[in-house]
Amino acid sequence: MQLGTARRVVTVFRSRLRPDADANGYGELATRMESRARAMPGFVDFTTFVAKDGERVSVIVFDSLAHQRAWRDDPEHRAAQQRGRDALYSEYAISVCHEITRRDFPRATPLTLGRGS
């Protein structure tokens, strides 16, 4: 990657849900927000992981800071953020970062272990 070129923006959203989050509509809202993010200009990827201890980590990638900010400031997303603070999350932390380097290893064919020829 050359300096001065547009860099992808990665948002890391770490959170823990309140015990009553599901009853307060967390699942529906999370599904709606992911769908909305995927429809935004510049969207690249959205993945969520849940640890055994209940911590959730969502990694959201946009192709530019302008597109990430448009997602951050989207009115429906802003309303969801407030709902999250009011009724869904016990805690959260957000980090927004520029991607410095990316390396991919796409396997051309599925790995076949244990099969003789």
Protein backbone atom coordinates (compact mmCIF):
# COMPACT_ATOMS: atom_id res chain seq x y z
CA MET A 1 0.00 0.00 0.00
CA GLN A 2 1.33 3.41 -0.88
CA LEU A 3 1.17 6.40 1.43
CA GLY A 4 -1.47 8.94 0.53
CA THR A 5 -3.92 6.38 -0.86
CA ALA A 6 -7.31 5.80 0.73
CA ARG A 7 -7.10 3.34 3.58
CA ARG A 8 -9.87 1.11 4.84
CA VAL A 9 -11.27 1.94 8.25
CA VAL A 10 -11.83 -0.78 10.86
CA THR A 11 -14.20 -0.24 13.77
CA VAL A 12 -13.81 -2.63 16.68
CA PHE A 13 -16.87 -2.62 18.95
CA ARG A 14 -16.32 -4.56 22.20
CA SER A 15 -19.37 -4.94 24.43
CA ARG A 16 -21.22 -6.83 27.11
CA LEU A 17 -24.99 -7.10 27.14
CA ARG A 18 -27.22 -6.42 30.10
CA PRO A 19 -29.04 -9.51 31.42
CA ASP A 20 -32.34 -8.11 30.06
CA ALA A 21 -30.97 -7.16 26.61
CA ASP A 22 -32.80 -9.93 24.74
CA ALA A 23 -36.09 -9.01 26.42
CA ASN A 24 -35.40 -5.39 25.43
CA GLY A 25 -35.16 -6.29 21.73
CA TYR A 26 -31.40 -6.67 21.27
CA GLY A 27 -31.59 -9.45 18.65
CA GLU A 28 -33.95 -7.62 16.33
CA LEU A 29 -32.06 -4.34 16.64
CA ALA A 30 -28.66 -5.98 16.06
CA THR A 31 -29.96 -7.74 12.95
CA ARG A 32 -31.45 -4.49 11.63
CA MET A 33 -28.24 -2.52 12.25
CA GLU A 34 -26.06 -5.12 10.55
CA SER A 35 -28.39 -5.11 7.55
CA ARG A 36 -28.31 -1.33 7.45
CA ALA A 37 -24.50 -1.23 7.69
CA ARG A 38 -24.20 -3.71 4.82
CA ALA A 39 -26.36 -1.41 2.65
CA MET A 40 -24.23 1.69 3.33
CA PRO A 41 -21.89 3.04 0.62
CA GLY A 42 -18.33 1.83 1.11
CA PHE A 43 -19.27 -1.16 3.27
CA VAL A 44 -16.68 -3.96 3.19
CA ASP A 45 -17.36 -6.41 6.05
CA PHE A 46 -19.19 -6.94 9.36
CA THR A 47 -18.34 -9.86 11.66
CA THR A 48 -19.31 -10.50 15.28
CA PHE A 49 -17.68 -12.91 17.72
CA VAL A 50 -18.92 -13.89 21.18
CA ALA A 51 -16.47 -15.11 23.83
CA LYS A 52 -17.31 -17.74 26.46
CA ASP A 53 -17.36 -15.03 29.14
CA GLY A 54 -20.03 -13.07 27.24
CA GLU A 55 -17.85 -10.39 25.71
CA ARG A 56 -18.95 -9.56 22.18
CA VAL A 57 -16.62 -8.16 19.53
CA SER A 58 -17.88 -6.76 16.26
CA VAL A 59 -15.44 -5.79 13.53
CA ILE A 60 -16.91 -3.47 10.91
CA VAL A 61 -14.89 -2.39 7.87
CA PHE A 62 -15.55 0.49 5.47
CA ASP A 63 -13.47 1.55 2.50
CA SER A 64 -12.87 5.08 3.82
CA LEU A 65 -13.18 7.29 6.86
CA ALA A 66 -15.91 9.30 5.13
CA HIS A 67 -18.02 6.18 4.66
CA GLN A 68 -17.36 4.98 8.22
CA ARG A 69 -18.46 8.37 9.54
CA ALA A 70 -21.59 8.27 7.39
CA TRP A 71 -22.44 4.94 9.06
CA ARG A 72 -21.60 6.30 12.51
CA ASP A 73 -23.85 9.34 11.93
CA ASP A 74 -26.72 7.56 10.17
CA PRO A 75 -29.90 8.70 11.99
CA GLU A 76 -31.27 5.18 12.51
CA HIS A 77 -27.85 4.01 13.74
CA ARG A 78 -27.65 7.01 16.11
CA ALA A 79 -31.05 6.06 17.56
CA ALA A 80 -29.85 2.45 17.97
CA GLN A 81 -26.71 3.69 19.75
CA GLN A 82 -28.85 5.58 22.25
CA ARG A 83 -31.10 2.56 22.75
CA GLY A 84 -27.99 0.48 23.38
CA ARG A 85 -26.82 2.86 26.11
CA ASP A 86 -30.30 3.05 27.64
CA ALA A 87 -31.42 -0.58 27.56
CA LEU A 88 -28.99 -3.08 26.04
CA TYR A 89 -25.32 -2.75 27.02
CA SER A 90 -23.73 -2.97 30.45
CA GLU A 91 -20.50 -1.67 28.90
CA TYR A 92 -18.80 -1.10 25.57
CA ALA A 93 -15.67 0.34 23.98
CA ILE A 94 -15.19 1.47 20.39
CA SER A 95 -11.89 1.75 18.53
CA VAL A 96 -11.74 3.19 15.02
CA CYS A 97 -8.50 2.47 13.15
CA HIS A 98 -6.98 2.88 9.72
CA GLU A 99 -5.85 -0.36 8.16
CA ILE A 100 -2.09 -0.14 7.70
CA THR A 101 -1.40 -3.49 6.09
CA ARG A 102 -3.56 -6.34 4.87
CA ARG A 103 -2.50 -9.79 3.76
CA ASP A 104 -4.93 -12.43 2.55
CA PHE A 105 -4.43 -16.13 2.04
CA PRO A 106 -7.33 -17.42 -0.05
CA ARG A 107 -7.04 -21.16 -0.58
CA ALA A 108 -7.85 -21.97 -4.20
CA THR A 109 -9.25 -25.41 -3.38
CA PRO A 110 -10.65 -26.86 -0.15
CA LEU A 111 -8.14 -28.67 2.02
CA THR A 112 -8.61 -32.44 1.91
CA LEU A 113 -6.96 -34.00 4.91
CA GLY A 114 -6.65 -37.73 5.37
CA ARG A 115 -7.59 -38.69 1.82
CA GLY A 116 -5.15 -40.80 -0.07
CA SER A 117 -4.88 -40.78 -3.83
